[in-house]
Amino acid sequence: MAHVLSKLSGVKFEHIKQMLQDHAPVHNEQGMYLQHLWRNADNPAEVLFLFRVDDPKHAMQFMRRIHAEARKADPNAKIPETTFLDDSP
């Protein structure tokens, strides 16, 4: 099963939670399903979230495109650090 782990720093937990809820239909259409959302206990301005993904390559392409569009619209946009995880051999 594949997952995507993302981390954003310098953000408010409630803002990210609302954003992920608002974007859930688009994420789901792309085969991405939010599984967990955490606030870093040592750094409350750091939020981590985990998606289960149907197709890691598709998720990677989708996220790279969306992040590139966000940077184009706002060069200072906060883009999450993302790690793609896959346990298949």
N, C-alpha and C. Protein backbone atom coordinates (compact mmCIF):
# COMPACT_ATOMS: atom_id res chain seq x y z
N MET A 1 0.85 -1.17 0.00
CA MET A 1 0.00 0.00 0.00
C MET A 1 0.89 1.24 0.00
N ALA A 2 0.56 2.21 -0.80
CA ALA A 2 1.36 3.42 -0.94
C ALA A 2 0.75 4.57 -0.14
N HIS A 3 1.64 5.42 0.35
CA HIS A 3 1.23 6.59 1.11
C HIS A 3 2.07 7.79 0.71
N VAL A 4 1.56 8.97 1.04
CA VAL A 4 2.31 10.21 0.89
C VAL A 4 2.28 10.90 2.25
N LEU A 5 3.46 11.20 2.77
CA LEU A 5 3.60 11.92 4.03
C LEU A 5 4.05 13.33 3.71
N SER A 6 3.31 14.32 4.20
CA SER A 6 3.63 15.71 3.92
C SER A 6 3.80 16.48 5.21
N LYS A 7 4.68 17.49 5.17
CA LYS A 7 4.94 18.33 6.34
C LYS A 7 4.97 19.78 5.90
N LEU A 8 4.24 20.61 6.64
CA LEU A 8 4.24 22.06 6.41
C LEU A 8 4.67 22.74 7.70
N SER A 9 5.55 23.72 7.59
CA SER A 9 6.00 24.48 8.75
C SER A 9 5.53 25.92 8.65
N GLY A 10 5.35 26.54 9.81
CA GLY A 10 4.93 27.94 9.84
C GLY A 10 3.48 28.12 9.45
N VAL A 11 2.65 27.14 9.80
CA VAL A 11 1.23 27.18 9.44
C VAL A 11 0.38 26.92 10.68
N LYS A 12 -0.90 27.26 10.56
CA LYS A 12 -1.85 27.00 11.63
C LYS A 12 -2.59 25.69 11.34
N PHE A 13 -2.66 24.85 12.34
CA PHE A 13 -3.29 23.54 12.21
C PHE A 13 -4.71 23.66 11.65
N GLU A 14 -5.52 24.54 12.22
CA GLU A 14 -6.92 24.66 11.79
C GLU A 14 -7.03 25.09 10.33
N HIS A 15 -6.11 25.94 9.88
CA HIS A 15 -6.12 26.36 8.48
C HIS A 15 -5.84 25.18 7.55
N ILE A 16 -4.84 24.39 7.88
CA ILE A 16 -4.50 23.23 7.06
C ILE A 16 -5.61 22.19 7.10
N LYS A 17 -6.19 21.99 8.27
CA LYS A 17 -7.31 21.04 8.40
C LYS A 17 -8.46 21.46 7.49
N GLN A 18 -8.82 22.72 7.50
CA GLN A 18 -9.91 23.21 6.65
C GLN A 18 -9.55 23.10 5.17
N MET A 19 -8.31 23.44 4.82
CA MET A 19 -7.87 23.35 3.43
C MET A 19 -7.97 21.91 2.93
N LEU A 20 -7.52 20.96 3.75
CA LEU A 20 -7.58 19.55 3.34
C LEU A 20 -9.03 19.07 3.21
N GLN A 21 -9.90 19.55 4.09
CA GLN A 21 -11.32 19.19 3.97
C GLN A 21 -11.91 19.77 2.69
N ASP A 22 -11.56 21.02 2.39
CA ASP A 22 -12.06 21.67 1.17
C ASP A 22 -11.57 20.98 -0.09
N HIS A 23 -10.33 20.49 -0.07
CA HIS A 23 -9.73 19.87 -1.25
C HIS A 23 -9.95 18.36 -1.33
N ALA A 24 -10.62 17.78 -0.34
CA ALA A 24 -10.83 16.33 -0.30
C ALA A 24 -11.46 15.78 -1.58
N PRO A 25 -12.50 16.41 -2.15
CA PRO A 25 -13.07 15.85 -3.38
C PRO A 25 -12.06 15.75 -4.53
N VAL A 26 -11.23 16.76 -4.69
CA VAL A 26 -10.22 16.73 -5.76
C VAL A 26 -9.17 15.66 -5.45
N HIS A 27 -8.72 15.62 -4.20
CA HIS A 27 -7.74 14.59 -3.82
C HIS A 27 -8.31 13.19 -4.07
N ASN A 28 -9.55 12.98 -3.66
CA ASN A 28 -10.18 11.66 -3.84
C ASN A 28 -10.29 11.29 -5.31
N GLU A 29 -10.62 12.26 -6.16
CA GLU A 29 -10.69 12.00 -7.61
C GLU A 29 -9.33 11.54 -8.14
N GLN A 30 -8.27 11.99 -7.50
CA GLN A 30 -6.92 11.64 -7.92
C GLN A 30 -6.39 10.39 -7.21
N GLY A 31 -7.26 9.73 -6.44
CA GLY A 31 -6.86 8.50 -5.75
C GLY A 31 -6.04 8.75 -4.50
N MET A 32 -6.26 9.91 -3.87
CA MET A 32 -5.55 10.28 -2.65
C MET A 32 -6.58 10.44 -1.53
N TYR A 33 -6.36 9.75 -0.42
CA TYR A 33 -7.33 9.73 0.68
C TYR A 33 -6.63 10.08 1.99
N LEU A 34 -7.02 11.19 2.59
CA LEU A 34 -6.40 11.63 3.84
C LEU A 34 -6.66 10.60 4.93
N GLN A 35 -5.60 10.14 5.56
CA GLN A 35 -5.70 9.14 6.62
C GLN A 35 -5.47 9.74 8.01
N HIS A 36 -4.50 10.64 8.12
CA HIS A 36 -4.16 11.23 9.41
C HIS A 36 -3.70 12.66 9.23
N LEU A 37 -3.94 13.45 10.25
CA LEU A 37 -3.49 14.84 10.31
C LEU A 37 -2.98 15.07 11.72
N TRP A 38 -1.73 15.54 11.84
CA TRP A 38 -1.12 15.75 13.15
C TRP A 38 -0.54 17.14 13.26
N ARG A 39 -0.51 17.63 14.49
CA ARG A 39 0.26 18.82 14.84
C ARG A 39 1.49 18.32 15.59
N ASN A 40 2.65 18.84 15.24
CA ASN A 40 3.88 18.44 15.92
C ASN A 40 3.80 18.92 17.37
N ALA A 41 3.90 18.01 18.33
CA ALA A 41 3.80 18.36 19.75
C ALA A 41 4.94 19.28 20.18
N ASP A 42 6.11 19.16 19.54
CA ASP A 42 7.25 20.00 19.88
C ASP A 42 7.25 21.34 19.15
N ASN A 43 6.47 21.42 18.08
CA ASN A 43 6.42 22.65 17.28
C ASN A 43 5.00 22.80 16.74
N PRO A 44 4.12 23.50 17.47
CA PRO A 44 2.72 23.62 17.07
C PRO A 44 2.50 24.27 15.70
N ALA A 45 3.51 24.95 15.16
CA ALA A 45 3.39 25.57 13.84
C ALA A 45 3.81 24.62 12.73
N GLU A 46 3.97 23.34 13.07
CA GLU A 46 4.32 22.33 12.07
C GLU A 46 3.20 21.29 12.03
N VAL A 47 2.71 21.04 10.83
CA VAL A 47 1.60 20.11 10.62
C VAL A 47 2.06 19.01 9.67
N LEU A 48 1.71 17.78 10.01
CA LEU A 48 2.02 16.63 9.17
C LEU A 48 0.71 15.95 8.79
N PHE A 49 0.66 15.41 7.57
CA PHE A 49 -0.54 14.69 7.16
C PHE A 49 -0.15 13.55 6.24
N LEU A 50 -0.97 12.51 6.30
CA LEU A 50 -0.69 11.27 5.58
C LEU A 50 -1.86 10.92 4.67
N PHE A 51 -1.56 10.73 3.39
CA PHE A 51 -2.54 10.26 2.42
C PHE A 51 -2.26 8.81 2.08
N ARG A 52 -3.29 8.00 1.95
CA ARG A 52 -3.20 6.70 1.29
C ARG A 52 -3.45 6.99 -0.18
N VAL A 53 -2.63 6.41 -1.05
CA VAL A 53 -2.79 6.67 -2.49
C VAL A 53 -2.95 5.38 -3.27
N ASP A 54 -3.80 5.43 -4.29
CA ASP A 54 -4.02 4.27 -5.15
C ASP A 54 -2.84 4.01 -6.07
N ASP A 55 -2.27 5.08 -6.61
CA ASP A 55 -1.19 4.98 -7.60
C ASP A 55 -0.12 6.01 -7.25
N PRO A 56 0.99 5.57 -6.66
CA PRO A 56 2.00 6.53 -6.21
C PRO A 56 2.58 7.39 -7.34
N LYS A 57 2.76 6.83 -8.51
CA LYS A 57 3.30 7.62 -9.62
C LYS A 57 2.33 8.72 -10.04
N HIS A 58 1.05 8.37 -10.09
CA HIS A 58 0.04 9.37 -10.44
C HIS A 58 -0.03 10.45 -9.37
N ALA A 59 0.00 10.06 -8.11
CA ALA A 59 -0.05 11.03 -7.00
C ALA A 59 1.16 11.97 -7.08
N MET A 60 2.32 11.42 -7.37
CA MET A 60 3.53 12.23 -7.46
C MET A 60 3.41 13.25 -8.59
N GLN A 61 2.94 12.82 -9.75
CA GLN A 61 2.76 13.74 -10.88
C GLN A 61 1.73 14.82 -10.55
N PHE A 62 0.62 14.41 -9.96
CA PHE A 62 -0.43 15.36 -9.60
C PHE A 62 0.10 16.40 -8.62
N MET A 63 0.77 15.95 -7.57
CA MET A 63 1.27 16.88 -6.56
C MET A 63 2.34 17.80 -7.12
N ARG A 64 3.22 17.30 -7.94
CA ARG A 64 4.25 18.16 -8.55
C ARG A 64 3.60 19.23 -9.42
N ARG A 65 2.57 18.85 -10.17
CA ARG A 65 1.88 19.83 -11.03
C ARG A 65 1.19 20.90 -10.18
N ILE A 66 0.47 20.47 -9.15
CA ILE A 66 -0.26 21.41 -8.29
C ILE A 66 0.72 22.34 -7.56
N HIS A 67 1.82 21.79 -7.07
CA HIS A 67 2.80 22.62 -6.37
C HIS A 67 3.49 23.60 -7.32
N ALA A 68 3.77 23.17 -8.53
CA ALA A 68 4.36 24.08 -9.53
C ALA A 68 3.40 25.22 -9.85
N GLU A 69 2.11 24.91 -9.98
CA GLU A 69 1.11 25.95 -10.24
C GLU A 69 1.03 26.92 -9.08
N ALA A 70 1.10 26.41 -7.85
CA ALA A 70 1.05 27.27 -6.67
C ALA A 70 2.27 28.20 -6.63
N ARG A 71 3.45 27.67 -6.94
CA ARG A 71 4.67 28.50 -6.95
C ARG A 71 4.62 29.55 -8.05
N LYS A 72 4.01 29.18 -9.18
CA LYS A 72 3.90 30.14 -10.28
C LYS A 72 2.97 31.29 -9.88
N ALA A 73 1.87 30.96 -9.22
CA ALA A 73 0.93 31.98 -8.78
C ALA A 73 1.50 32.82 -7.65
N ASP A 74 2.28 32.20 -6.77
CA ASP A 74 2.86 32.90 -5.62
C ASP A 74 4.21 32.27 -5.30
N PRO A 75 5.30 32.92 -5.69
CA PRO A 75 6.63 32.35 -5.45
C PRO A 75 6.91 32.08 -3.97
N ASN A 76 6.17 32.72 -3.07
CA ASN A 76 6.37 32.52 -1.64
C ASN A 76 5.36 31.54 -1.04
N ALA A 77 4.62 30.84 -1.87
CA ALA A 77 3.61 29.90 -1.37
C ALA A 77 4.29 28.82 -0.52
N LYS A 78 3.60 28.45 0.55
CA LYS A 78 4.11 27.37 1.41
C LYS A 78 3.77 26.05 0.73
N ILE A 79 4.80 25.31 0.37
CA ILE A 79 4.65 24.02 -0.30
C ILE A 79 5.13 22.96 0.68
N PRO A 80 4.35 21.90 0.88
CA PRO A 80 4.78 20.90 1.85
C PRO A 80 5.99 20.11 1.39
N GLU A 81 6.80 19.72 2.38
CA GLU A 81 7.84 18.73 2.13
C GLU A 81 7.10 17.40 2.02
N THR A 82 7.39 16.65 0.98
CA THR A 82 6.61 15.45 0.70
C THR A 82 7.51 14.24 0.55
N THR A 83 7.09 13.14 1.17
CA THR A 83 7.79 11.87 1.05
C THR A 83 6.80 10.84 0.54
N PHE A 84 7.16 10.15 -0.54
CA PHE A 84 6.32 9.11 -1.11
C PHE A 84 6.77 7.77 -0.55
N LEU A 85 5.84 7.03 0.02
CA LEU A 85 6.13 5.76 0.69
C LEU A 85 5.40 4.62 -0.01
N ASP A 86 6.11 3.53 -0.23
CA ASP A 86 5.50 2.38 -0.89
C ASP A 86 6.11 1.13 -0.28
N ASP A 87 5.27 0.19 0.13
CA ASP A 87 5.78 -1.02 0.75
C ASP A 87 5.78 -2.22 -0.19
N SER A 88 5.51 -1.97 -1.47
CA SER A 88 5.52 -3.08 -2.42
C SER A 88 6.97 -3.38 -2.81
N PRO A 89 7.27 -4.66 -3.08
CA PRO A 89 8.66 -5.04 -3.42
C PRO A 89 9.09 -4.52 -4.78
